Amino acid sequence: MNDKIIISICGAAGTGKSALANEMTFALSKDLACRVPTDYFLKSSTGESYEQFISTPFKYDWHLLQELINKPISSELETPDYDFSKFTRLGRTGGRQFTLKRYVFIDSMLPYPFSNYIIKLIAPENLRLERIKKRDSTQHLNSARSWQKMELTAKLLDESGYKFDIILKGEEKTRDNAGKIVEFFESESLLG
């Protein structure tokens, strides 16, 4: 039980990845599972114009994430500090705290390259955009302005040939999707 199982929950913006990763930590218990909010590992804008920046997919600092995930279970860690309004990393630490557990749920638009399992969420564009706008309103963000970049990242996900262990519909209830993941884990003898 000392080995970590890394599960990527990926998909286009607004499919419900974060909600599902949170639900999975609840379903498996916070003693066994953690969520790593991977948006904090986005690579910074390199000073290019906004038009140049928005015309390419998002990229992640997988190396830094791997450094953290390779630490022992029960390590108390922090994501980088990230300014989402300027797409700039402010520091290697100072973001969200998490404690590494046996089951590590990584929610990001693209799957973490060293995942043991990759789960893809899909949802219609209108629902996804509606969710992004709602999140912007409640959290005082302006993510919708990056919709073009998010959609380019989603296109990269679809065209990159990833093998998904499960594909779930993001318009389904989060708890129902979590139940499907638990059933899959049980069928793979990953729980117990």
N, C-alpha and C. Protein backbone atom coordinates (compact mmCIF):
# COMPACT_ATOMS: atom_id res chain seq x y z
N MET A 1 0.81 -1.21 0.00
CA MET A 1 0.00 0.00 0.00
C MET A 1 0.85 1.26 0.00
N ASN A 2 2.18 1.14 -0.16
CA ASN A 2 3.03 2.33 -0.17
C ASN A 2 3.14 2.96 -1.55
N ASP A 3 2.78 2.22 -2.59
CA ASP A 3 2.87 2.77 -3.94
C ASP A 3 1.69 3.70 -4.19
N LYS A 4 1.98 4.77 -4.91
CA LYS A 4 0.93 5.71 -5.27
C LYS A 4 0.31 5.28 -6.59
N ILE A 5 -0.97 5.54 -6.73
CA ILE A 5 -1.67 5.33 -7.98
C ILE A 5 -2.08 6.71 -8.47
N ILE A 6 -1.58 7.08 -9.64
CA ILE A 6 -1.80 8.41 -10.19
C ILE A 6 -2.90 8.34 -11.24
N ILE A 7 -3.96 9.09 -11.02
CA ILE A 7 -5.11 9.09 -11.91
C ILE A 7 -5.30 10.49 -12.48
N SER A 8 -5.20 10.62 -13.79
CA SER A 8 -5.48 11.89 -14.46
C SER A 8 -6.95 11.94 -14.84
N ILE A 9 -7.59 13.02 -14.44
CA ILE A 9 -8.94 13.31 -14.92
C ILE A 9 -8.78 14.50 -15.86
N CYS A 10 -8.93 14.24 -17.15
CA CYS A 10 -8.65 15.29 -18.14
C CYS A 10 -9.87 15.55 -19.00
N GLY A 11 -9.79 16.63 -19.74
CA GLY A 11 -10.88 16.99 -20.62
C GLY A 11 -10.88 18.49 -20.86
N ALA A 12 -11.73 18.91 -21.74
CA ALA A 12 -11.83 20.33 -22.08
C ALA A 12 -12.27 21.13 -20.85
N ALA A 13 -12.01 22.42 -20.90
CA ALA A 13 -12.43 23.31 -19.81
C ALA A 13 -13.94 23.23 -19.63
N GLY A 14 -14.37 23.17 -18.37
CA GLY A 14 -15.79 23.19 -18.06
C GLY A 14 -16.48 21.83 -18.08
N THR A 15 -15.72 20.74 -18.20
CA THR A 15 -16.35 19.42 -18.22
C THR A 15 -16.65 18.91 -16.82
N GLY A 16 -16.07 19.50 -15.79
CA GLY A 16 -16.32 19.06 -14.42
C GLY A 16 -15.19 18.27 -13.80
N LYS A 17 -13.98 18.48 -14.29
CA LYS A 17 -12.82 17.72 -13.81
C LYS A 17 -12.55 17.94 -12.32
N SER A 18 -12.54 19.19 -11.91
CA SER A 18 -12.23 19.50 -10.51
C SER A 18 -13.29 18.93 -9.56
N ALA A 19 -14.54 19.08 -9.95
CA ALA A 19 -15.63 18.54 -9.12
C ALA A 19 -15.50 17.03 -8.99
N LEU A 20 -15.16 16.36 -10.10
CA LEU A 20 -15.03 14.90 -10.06
C LEU A 20 -13.82 14.49 -9.22
N ALA A 21 -12.70 15.19 -9.35
CA ALA A 21 -11.52 14.87 -8.54
C ALA A 21 -11.82 15.07 -7.06
N ASN A 22 -12.54 16.13 -6.72
CA ASN A 22 -12.94 16.35 -5.33
C ASN A 22 -13.87 15.25 -4.85
N GLU A 23 -14.82 14.86 -5.69
CA GLU A 23 -15.76 13.80 -5.32
C GLU A 23 -15.03 12.48 -5.10
N MET A 24 -14.00 12.20 -5.90
CA MET A 24 -13.25 10.97 -5.74
C MET A 24 -12.47 10.96 -4.43
N THR A 25 -11.93 12.10 -4.01
CA THR A 25 -11.23 12.12 -2.71
C THR A 25 -12.23 11.86 -1.59
N PHE A 26 -13.46 12.33 -1.76
CA PHE A 26 -14.51 12.05 -0.78
C PHE A 26 -14.91 10.58 -0.82
N ALA A 27 -15.09 10.04 -2.03
CA ALA A 27 -15.54 8.65 -2.19
C ALA A 27 -14.53 7.65 -1.64
N LEU A 28 -13.25 7.93 -1.84
CA LEU A 28 -12.21 7.01 -1.36
C LEU A 28 -11.72 7.36 0.04
N SER A 29 -12.06 8.52 0.52
CA SER A 29 -11.72 9.10 1.83
C SER A 29 -10.42 9.91 1.74
N LYS A 30 -10.41 10.98 2.47
CA LYS A 30 -9.24 11.87 2.46
C LYS A 30 -8.02 11.20 3.10
N ASP A 31 -8.23 10.07 3.78
CA ASP A 31 -7.10 9.32 4.32
C ASP A 31 -6.35 8.57 3.21
N LEU A 32 -7.06 8.27 2.12
CA LEU A 32 -6.47 7.49 1.05
C LEU A 32 -6.24 8.27 -0.24
N ALA A 33 -6.95 9.39 -0.42
CA ALA A 33 -6.91 10.07 -1.72
C ALA A 33 -6.70 11.56 -1.55
N CYS A 34 -6.04 12.15 -2.55
CA CYS A 34 -5.86 13.60 -2.59
C CYS A 34 -6.08 14.09 -4.01
N ARG A 35 -6.39 15.36 -4.10
CA ARG A 35 -6.54 16.02 -5.40
C ARG A 35 -5.40 17.02 -5.54
N VAL A 36 -4.77 17.03 -6.71
CA VAL A 36 -3.76 18.03 -7.02
C VAL A 36 -4.36 18.97 -8.06
N PRO A 37 -4.66 20.22 -7.69
CA PRO A 37 -5.24 21.17 -8.64
C PRO A 37 -4.17 21.63 -9.64
N THR A 38 -4.16 21.01 -10.79
CA THR A 38 -3.04 21.10 -11.71
C THR A 38 -2.97 22.41 -12.48
N ASP A 39 -4.05 23.20 -12.48
CA ASP A 39 -3.96 24.51 -13.15
C ASP A 39 -2.82 25.35 -12.57
N TYR A 40 -2.47 25.12 -11.32
CA TYR A 40 -1.37 25.87 -10.70
C TYR A 40 -0.01 25.50 -11.31
N PHE A 41 0.02 24.43 -12.09
CA PHE A 41 1.25 23.99 -12.74
C PHE A 41 1.30 24.42 -14.21
N LEU A 42 0.38 25.29 -14.61
CA LEU A 42 0.45 25.82 -15.98
C LEU A 42 1.75 26.57 -16.16
N LYS A 43 2.32 26.46 -17.35
CA LYS A 43 3.54 27.22 -17.64
C LYS A 43 3.18 28.69 -17.84
N SER A 44 4.08 29.54 -17.43
CA SER A 44 3.87 30.98 -17.52
C SER A 44 3.93 31.46 -18.96
N SER A 45 3.22 32.55 -19.19
CA SER A 45 3.39 33.28 -20.44
C SER A 45 4.83 33.77 -20.48
N THR A 46 5.42 33.75 -21.64
CA THR A 46 6.84 34.13 -21.75
C THR A 46 7.02 35.56 -22.23
N GLY A 47 6.00 36.37 -22.06
CA GLY A 47 6.12 37.77 -22.44
C GLY A 47 5.69 38.05 -23.87
N GLU A 48 5.20 37.03 -24.56
CA GLU A 48 4.71 37.25 -25.91
C GLU A 48 3.42 38.08 -25.85
N SER A 49 2.99 38.57 -26.98
CA SER A 49 1.74 39.34 -27.00
C SER A 49 0.59 38.43 -26.61
N TYR A 50 -0.50 39.04 -26.17
CA TYR A 50 -1.67 38.25 -25.79
C TYR A 50 -2.17 37.44 -26.99
N GLU A 51 -2.13 38.02 -28.17
CA GLU A 51 -2.59 37.33 -29.38
C GLU A 51 -1.74 36.08 -29.64
N GLN A 52 -0.43 36.19 -29.43
CA GLN A 52 0.45 35.02 -29.61
C GLN A 52 0.16 33.98 -28.53
N PHE A 53 0.03 34.44 -27.29
CA PHE A 53 -0.20 33.53 -26.17
C PHE A 53 -1.50 32.76 -26.35
N ILE A 54 -2.55 33.44 -26.74
CA ILE A 54 -3.88 32.83 -26.84
C ILE A 54 -3.99 31.90 -28.04
N SER A 55 -3.04 31.97 -28.97
CA SER A 55 -3.13 31.18 -30.20
C SER A 55 -2.45 29.82 -30.10
N THR A 56 -2.00 29.43 -28.91
CA THR A 56 -1.36 28.12 -28.70
C THR A 56 -2.00 27.43 -27.51
N PRO A 57 -1.95 26.09 -27.47
CA PRO A 57 -2.52 25.38 -26.32
C PRO A 57 -1.76 25.67 -25.02
N PHE A 58 -2.45 25.45 -23.90
CA PHE A 58 -1.79 25.54 -22.60
C PHE A 58 -0.74 24.44 -22.48
N LYS A 59 0.30 24.71 -21.72
CA LYS A 59 1.34 23.72 -21.42
C LYS A 59 1.49 23.66 -19.90
N TYR A 60 1.88 22.49 -19.41
CA TYR A 60 2.04 22.27 -17.97
C TYR A 60 3.49 22.01 -17.63
N ASP A 61 3.86 22.35 -16.41
CA ASP A 61 5.19 22.05 -15.89
C ASP A 61 5.13 20.66 -15.24
N TRP A 62 5.14 19.64 -16.10
CA TRP A 62 5.03 18.27 -15.59
C TRP A 62 6.24 17.89 -14.74
N HIS A 63 7.40 18.46 -15.04
CA HIS A 63 8.61 18.15 -14.26
C HIS A 63 8.43 18.55 -12.80
N LEU A 64 7.94 19.75 -12.55
CA LEU A 64 7.72 20.21 -11.18
C LEU A 64 6.66 19.36 -10.49
N LEU A 65 5.59 19.04 -11.20
CA LEU A 65 4.56 18.18 -10.61
C LEU A 65 5.14 16.82 -10.25
N GLN A 66 5.97 16.27 -11.14
CA GLN A 66 6.59 14.97 -10.87
C GLN A 66 7.48 15.02 -9.63
N GLU A 67 8.22 16.10 -9.45
CA GLU A 67 9.05 16.26 -8.25
C GLU A 67 8.21 16.11 -6.99
N LEU A 68 7.04 16.74 -6.99
CA LEU A 68 6.18 16.68 -5.81
C LEU A 68 5.56 15.30 -5.64
N ILE A 69 5.06 14.74 -6.72
CA ILE A 69 4.39 13.44 -6.63
C ILE A 69 5.35 12.33 -6.25
N ASN A 70 6.61 12.48 -6.55
CA ASN A 70 7.59 11.46 -6.20
C ASN A 70 7.95 11.44 -4.72
N LYS A 71 7.49 12.43 -3.97
CA LYS A 71 7.76 12.46 -2.53
C LYS A 71 6.94 11.37 -1.84
N PRO A 72 7.31 11.01 -0.61
CA PRO A 72 6.60 9.92 0.09
C PRO A 72 5.15 10.28 0.41
N ILE A 73 4.34 9.24 0.49
CA ILE A 73 2.96 9.40 0.94
C ILE A 73 2.98 10.09 2.30
N SER A 74 2.02 10.95 2.53
CA SER A 74 1.85 11.77 3.75
C SER A 74 2.68 13.05 3.72
N SER A 75 3.45 13.28 2.66
CA SER A 75 4.18 14.55 2.55
C SER A 75 3.16 15.68 2.39
N GLU A 76 3.40 16.76 3.14
CA GLU A 76 2.55 17.95 3.02
C GLU A 76 3.21 18.88 2.02
N LEU A 77 2.47 19.21 0.96
CA LEU A 77 3.04 19.91 -0.18
C LEU A 77 2.19 21.12 -0.55
N GLU A 78 2.76 21.95 -1.43
CA GLU A 78 2.05 23.11 -1.96
C GLU A 78 2.23 23.16 -3.46
N THR A 79 1.18 23.58 -4.14
CA THR A 79 1.31 23.86 -5.56
C THR A 79 2.08 25.16 -5.72
N PRO A 80 2.52 25.46 -6.93
CA PRO A 80 3.10 26.78 -7.16
C PRO A 80 2.05 27.87 -6.90
N ASP A 81 2.52 29.06 -6.64
CA ASP A 81 1.65 30.24 -6.57
C ASP A 81 1.52 30.75 -8.00
N TYR A 82 0.31 31.00 -8.45
CA TYR A 82 0.09 31.32 -9.86
C TYR A 82 -0.90 32.47 -9.98
N ASP A 83 -0.59 33.43 -10.81
CA ASP A 83 -1.49 34.55 -11.10
C ASP A 83 -2.23 34.21 -12.39
N PHE A 84 -3.49 33.81 -12.25
CA PHE A 84 -4.26 33.38 -13.41
C PHE A 84 -4.70 34.55 -14.28
N SER A 85 -4.65 35.76 -13.76
CA SER A 85 -5.02 36.91 -14.59
C SER A 85 -3.89 37.27 -15.56
N LYS A 86 -2.64 36.95 -15.16
CA LYS A 86 -1.49 37.26 -16.02
C LYS A 86 -0.82 36.00 -16.56
N PHE A 87 -1.35 34.83 -16.19
CA PHE A 87 -0.77 33.55 -16.60
C PHE A 87 0.71 33.50 -16.27
N THR A 88 1.01 33.80 -15.01
CA THR A 88 2.40 33.86 -14.57
C THR A 88 2.56 33.14 -13.24
N ARG A 89 3.59 32.30 -13.17
CA ARG A 89 3.92 31.67 -11.90
C ARG A 89 4.65 32.68 -11.03
N LEU A 90 4.19 32.80 -9.79
CA LEU A 90 4.79 33.75 -8.85
C LEU A 90 5.84 33.09 -7.97
N GLY A 91 5.76 31.77 -7.83
CA GLY A 91 6.74 31.05 -7.03
C GLY A 91 6.51 29.55 -7.13
N ARG A 92 7.52 28.77 -6.82
CA ARG A 92 7.41 27.30 -6.87
C ARG A 92 6.49 26.76 -5.78
N THR A 93 6.26 27.54 -4.73
CA THR A 93 5.33 27.18 -3.67
C THR A 93 4.44 28.39 -3.40
N GLY A 94 3.55 28.26 -2.43
CA GLY A 94 2.69 29.37 -2.07
C GLY A 94 1.28 29.27 -2.62
N GLY A 95 0.99 28.21 -3.36
CA GLY A 95 -0.35 28.01 -3.90
C GLY A 95 -1.21 27.22 -2.94
N ARG A 96 -1.88 26.22 -3.46
CA ARG A 96 -2.77 25.39 -2.64
C ARG A 96 -2.01 24.26 -1.97
N GLN A 97 -2.38 23.98 -0.75
CA GLN A 97 -1.74 22.90 0.01
C GLN A 97 -2.48 21.59 -0.22
N PHE A 98 -1.72 20.50 -0.21
CA PHE A 98 -2.32 19.17 -0.27
C PHE A 98 -1.36 18.19 0.40
N THR A 99 -1.91 17.08 0.87
CA THR A 99 -1.12 16.02 1.48
C THR A 99 -1.15 14.83 0.55
N LEU A 100 0.01 14.35 0.19
CA LEU A 100 0.11 13.25 -0.76
C LEU A 100 -0.47 11.97 -0.14
N LYS A 101 -1.29 11.28 -0.90
CA LYS A 101 -1.95 10.04 -0.45
C LYS A 101 -1.70 8.93 -1.46
N ARG A 102 -2.23 7.76 -1.17
CA ARG A 102 -2.05 6.60 -2.06
C ARG A 102 -2.66 6.86 -3.44
N TYR A 103 -3.87 7.40 -3.48
CA TYR A 103 -4.55 7.70 -4.73
C TYR A 103 -4.41 9.20 -4.98
N VAL A 104 -3.76 9.56 -6.08
CA VAL A 104 -3.50 10.97 -6.41
C VAL A 104 -4.32 11.31 -7.65
N PHE A 105 -5.29 12.20 -7.48
CA PHE A 105 -6.14 12.63 -8.59
C PHE A 105 -5.63 13.96 -9.13
N ILE A 106 -5.28 13.93 -10.40
CA ILE A 106 -4.74 15.11 -11.08
C ILE A 106 -5.80 15.56 -12.08
N ASP A 107 -6.33 16.77 -11.88
CA ASP A 107 -7.33 17.26 -12.83
C ASP A 107 -6.71 18.36 -13.68
N SER A 108 -6.63 18.10 -14.97
CA SER A 108 -6.02 19.05 -15.90
C SER A 108 -6.61 18.81 -17.29
N MET A 109 -6.45 19.79 -18.16
CA MET A 109 -6.99 19.64 -19.51
C MET A 109 -6.27 18.53 -20.28
N LEU A 110 -4.97 18.36 -20.03
CA LEU A 110 -4.18 17.30 -20.64
C LEU A 110 -3.77 16.31 -19.56
N PRO A 111 -3.63 15.03 -19.88
CA PRO A 111 -3.26 14.06 -18.85
C PRO A 111 -1.79 14.17 -18.45
N TYR A 112 -1.55 13.96 -17.16
CA TYR A 112 -0.19 13.89 -16.65
C TYR A 112 0.51 12.70 -17.32
N PRO A 113 1.69 12.91 -17.92
CA PRO A 113 2.32 11.86 -18.72
C PRO A 113 2.66 10.56 -17.97
N PHE A 114 2.77 10.62 -16.65
CA PHE A 114 3.17 9.44 -15.90
C PHE A 114 2.00 8.87 -15.09
N SER A 115 0.80 9.08 -15.58
CA SER A 115 -0.40 8.57 -14.91
C SER A 115 -0.50 7.06 -15.05
N ASN A 116 -1.03 6.44 -14.02
CA ASN A 116 -1.35 5.01 -14.11
C ASN A 116 -2.65 4.79 -14.87
N TYR A 117 -3.58 5.74 -14.71
CA TYR A 117 -4.89 5.67 -15.36
C TYR A 117 -5.27 7.06 -15.86
N ILE A 118 -5.96 7.09 -17.01
CA ILE A 118 -6.41 8.35 -17.58
C ILE A 118 -7.92 8.27 -17.81
N ILE A 119 -8.62 9.21 -17.20
CA ILE A 119 -10.07 9.31 -17.33
C ILE A 119 -10.36 10.59 -18.09
N LYS A 120 -11.19 10.49 -19.10
CA LYS A 120 -11.55 11.67 -19.89
C LYS A 120 -13.01 12.03 -19.64
N LEU A 121 -13.23 13.31 -19.40
CA LEU A 121 -14.59 13.84 -19.29
C LEU A 121 -14.92 14.59 -20.57
N ILE A 122 -16.11 14.39 -21.07
CA ILE A 122 -16.57 15.11 -22.25
C ILE A 122 -17.89 15.80 -21.90
N ALA A 123 -18.17 16.91 -22.58
CA ALA A 123 -19.44 17.62 -22.38
C ALA A 123 -19.63 18.55 -23.57
N PRO A 124 -20.88 18.88 -23.88
CA PRO A 124 -21.14 19.81 -24.99
C PRO A 124 -20.54 21.19 -24.73
N GLU A 125 -20.13 21.86 -25.80
CA GLU A 125 -19.47 23.16 -25.68
C GLU A 125 -20.34 24.19 -24.95
N ASN A 126 -21.63 24.23 -25.25
CA ASN A 126 -22.48 25.24 -24.61
C ASN A 126 -22.54 25.04 -23.09
N LEU A 127 -22.58 23.81 -22.62
CA LEU A 127 -22.59 23.53 -21.19
C LEU A 127 -21.24 23.92 -20.57
N ARG A 128 -20.17 23.60 -21.25
CA ARG A 128 -18.84 23.91 -20.74
C ARG A 128 -18.64 25.42 -20.60
N LEU A 129 -19.02 26.16 -21.62
CA LEU A 129 -18.87 27.62 -21.58
C LEU A 129 -19.76 28.23 -20.49
N GLU A 130 -20.96 27.69 -20.35
CA GLU A 130 -21.85 28.15 -19.28
C GLU A 130 -21.20 27.95 -17.91
N ARG A 131 -20.58 26.80 -17.70
CA ARG A 131 -19.92 26.51 -16.42
C ARG A 131 -18.73 27.44 -16.18
N ILE A 132 -17.96 27.71 -17.23
CA ILE A 132 -16.82 28.62 -17.09
C ILE A 132 -17.30 30.01 -16.70
N LYS A 133 -18.34 30.49 -17.35
CA LYS A 133 -18.86 31.82 -17.03
C LYS A 133 -19.41 31.87 -15.61
N LYS A 134 -20.07 30.80 -15.18
CA LYS A 134 -20.59 30.75 -13.81
C LYS A 134 -19.44 30.76 -12.80
N ARG A 135 -18.40 29.99 -13.07
CA ARG A 135 -17.23 29.97 -12.19
C ARG A 135 -16.58 31.35 -12.15
N ASP A 136 -16.46 31.98 -13.30
CA ASP A 136 -15.90 33.33 -13.36
C ASP A 136 -16.69 34.28 -12.46
N SER A 137 -18.00 34.17 -12.53
CA SER A 137 -18.86 35.07 -11.75
C SER A 137 -18.72 34.83 -10.25
N THR A 138 -18.74 33.57 -9.85
CA THR A 138 -18.69 33.27 -8.41
C THR A 138 -17.30 33.45 -7.81
N GLN A 139 -16.25 33.23 -8.61
CA GLN A 139 -14.89 33.32 -8.08
C GLN A 139 -14.17 34.60 -8.52
N HIS A 140 -14.90 35.50 -9.16
CA HIS A 140 -14.35 36.77 -9.62
C HIS A 140 -13.12 36.56 -10.51
N LEU A 141 -13.30 35.69 -11.51
CA LEU A 141 -12.24 35.38 -12.47
C LEU A 141 -12.67 35.88 -13.85
N ASN A 142 -11.78 35.71 -14.81
CA ASN A 142 -12.09 36.04 -16.18
C ASN A 142 -11.52 34.95 -17.10
N SER A 143 -11.81 33.70 -16.75
CA SER A 143 -11.29 32.57 -17.52
C SER A 143 -11.87 32.52 -18.92
N ALA A 144 -13.10 32.98 -19.09
CA ALA A 144 -13.75 32.91 -20.40
C ALA A 144 -12.96 33.65 -21.47
N ARG A 145 -12.18 34.64 -21.07
CA ARG A 145 -11.38 35.36 -22.07
C ARG A 145 -10.32 34.46 -22.69
N SER A 146 -10.01 33.34 -22.04
CA SER A 146 -9.02 32.39 -22.54
C SER A 146 -9.68 31.22 -23.26
N TRP A 147 -10.95 31.37 -23.62
CA TRP A 147 -11.69 30.26 -24.21
C TRP A 147 -10.98 29.70 -25.44
N GLN A 148 -10.43 30.57 -26.30
CA GLN A 148 -9.75 30.11 -27.50
C GLN A 148 -8.57 29.20 -27.14
N LYS A 149 -7.79 29.58 -26.15
CA LYS A 149 -6.63 28.79 -25.73
C LYS A 149 -7.09 27.46 -25.10
N MET A 150 -8.17 27.53 -24.32
CA MET A 150 -8.71 26.31 -23.71
C MET A 150 -9.20 25.34 -24.78
N GLU A 151 -9.84 25.88 -25.83
CA GLU A 151 -10.34 25.02 -26.89
C GLU A 151 -9.20 24.43 -27.73
N LEU A 152 -8.13 25.20 -27.92
CA LEU A 152 -6.95 24.66 -28.61
C LEU A 152 -6.33 23.52 -27.80
N THR A 153 -6.35 23.65 -26.48
CA THR A 153 -5.83 22.60 -25.61
C THR A 153 -6.72 21.36 -25.69
N ALA A 154 -8.03 21.57 -25.73
CA ALA A 154 -8.97 20.45 -25.87
C ALA A 154 -8.76 19.73 -27.21
N LYS A 155 -8.51 20.49 -28.25
CA LYS A 155 -8.26 19.91 -29.57
C LYS A 155 -6.97 19.07 -29.54
N LEU A 156 -5.95 19.58 -28.86
CA LEU A 156 -4.70 18.84 -28.71
C LEU A 156 -4.96 17.51 -27.98
N LEU A 157 -5.78 17.55 -26.94
CA LEU A 157 -6.13 16.33 -26.20
C LEU A 157 -6.78 15.32 -27.14
N ASP A 158 -7.71 15.79 -27.96
CA ASP A 158 -8.43 14.88 -28.86
C ASP A 158 -7.55 14.32 -29.97
N GLU A 159 -6.54 15.09 -30.39
CA GLU A 159 -5.72 14.68 -31.53
C GLU A 159 -4.43 13.97 -31.14
N SER A 160 -4.13 13.90 -29.86
CA SER A 160 -2.82 13.37 -29.44
C SER A 160 -2.75 11.86 -29.31
N GLY A 161 -3.85 11.17 -29.47
CA GLY A 161 -3.83 9.72 -29.45
C GLY A 161 -3.70 9.09 -28.07
N TYR A 162 -4.11 9.81 -27.03
CA TYR A 162 -4.07 9.24 -25.68
C TYR A 162 -5.01 8.05 -25.59
N LYS A 163 -4.63 7.08 -24.79
CA LYS A 163 -5.49 5.94 -24.50
C LYS A 163 -6.18 6.22 -23.18
N PHE A 164 -7.50 6.27 -23.21
CA PHE A 164 -8.28 6.57 -22.01
C PHE A 164 -8.81 5.27 -21.41
N ASP A 165 -8.68 5.14 -20.10
CA ASP A 165 -9.20 3.96 -19.42
C ASP A 165 -10.72 4.05 -19.27
N ILE A 166 -11.22 5.26 -19.10
CA ILE A 166 -12.66 5.50 -18.99
C ILE A 166 -12.95 6.84 -19.67
N ILE A 167 -14.08 6.92 -20.36
CA ILE A 167 -14.59 8.18 -20.88
C ILE A 167 -15.97 8.39 -20.27
N LEU A 168 -16.13 9.52 -19.60
CA LEU A 168 -17.39 9.82 -18.89
C LEU A 168 -18.01 11.09 -19.44
N LYS A 169 -19.32 11.19 -19.30
CA LYS A 169 -20.04 12.37 -19.75
C LYS A 169 -20.11 13.39 -18.60
N GLY A 170 -19.59 14.58 -18.86
CA GLY A 170 -19.56 15.62 -17.84
C GLY A 170 -20.91 16.19 -17.48
N GLU A 171 -21.94 15.92 -18.29
CA GLU A 171 -23.27 16.40 -17.95
C GLU A 171 -24.00 15.45 -16.98
N GLU A 172 -23.40 14.27 -16.75
CA GLU A 172 -23.95 13.36 -15.75
C GLU A 172 -23.65 13.89 -14.34
N LYS A 173 -24.37 13.41 -13.35
CA LYS A 173 -24.12 13.83 -11.97
C LYS A 173 -22.71 13.40 -11.57
N THR A 174 -22.02 14.29 -10.88
CA THR A 174 -20.64 14.03 -10.46
C THR A 174 -20.56 12.76 -9.62
N ARG A 175 -21.51 12.58 -8.73
CA ARG A 175 -21.51 11.39 -7.87
C ARG A 175 -21.66 10.11 -8.69
N ASP A 176 -22.49 10.16 -9.73
CA ASP A 176 -22.67 8.98 -10.59
C ASP A 176 -21.37 8.65 -11.33
N ASN A 177 -20.69 9.69 -11.84
CA ASN A 177 -19.40 9.46 -12.51
C ASN A 177 -18.36 8.91 -11.54
N ALA A 178 -18.38 9.41 -10.31
CA ALA A 178 -17.45 8.89 -9.29
C ALA A 178 -17.74 7.41 -9.04
N GLY A 179 -19.02 7.06 -8.99
CA GLY A 179 -19.39 5.66 -8.81
C GLY A 179 -18.86 4.77 -9.92
N LYS A 180 -18.88 5.28 -11.15
CA LYS A 180 -18.35 4.51 -12.29
C LYS A 180 -16.84 4.31 -12.16
N ILE A 181 -16.15 5.32 -11.65
CA ILE A 181 -14.71 5.19 -11.45
C ILE A 181 -14.43 4.16 -10.35
N VAL A 182 -15.19 4.21 -9.26
CA VAL A 182 -15.01 3.23 -8.18
C VAL A 182 -15.27 1.82 -8.71
N GLU A 183 -16.31 1.64 -9.51
CA GLU A 183 -16.58 0.32 -10.10
C GLU A 183 -15.39 -0.14 -10.96
N PHE A 184 -14.85 0.76 -11.74
CA PHE A 184 -13.68 0.42 -12.56
C PHE A 184 -12.50 0.01 -11.68
N PHE A 185 -12.24 0.79 -10.62
CA PHE A 185 -11.15 0.45 -9.71
C PHE A 185 -11.37 -0.92 -9.08
N GLU A 186 -12.60 -1.21 -8.71
CA GLU A 186 -12.89 -2.53 -8.12
C GLU A 186 -12.65 -3.64 -9.14
N SER A 187 -13.03 -3.40 -10.40
CA SER A 187 -12.82 -4.42 -11.44
C SER A 187 -11.33 -4.64 -11.71
N GLU A 188 -10.52 -3.62 -11.46
CA GLU A 188 -9.07 -3.71 -11.65
C GLU A 188 -8.35 -4.12 -10.36
N SER A 189 -9.12 -4.41 -9.31
CA SER A 189 -8.58 -4.77 -7.99
C SER A 189 -7.64 -3.71 -7.43
N LEU A 190 -8.03 -2.44 -7.60
CA LEU A 190 -7.21 -1.34 -7.11
C LEU A 190 -7.62 -0.87 -5.72
N LEU A 191 -8.74 -1.35 -5.24
CA LEU A 191 -9.22 -0.93 -3.91
C LEU A 191 -9.09 -2.10 -2.96
N GLY A 192 -8.84 -1.76 -1.70
CA GLY A 192 -8.80 -2.82 -0.71
C GLY A 192 -7.56 -2.82 0.11
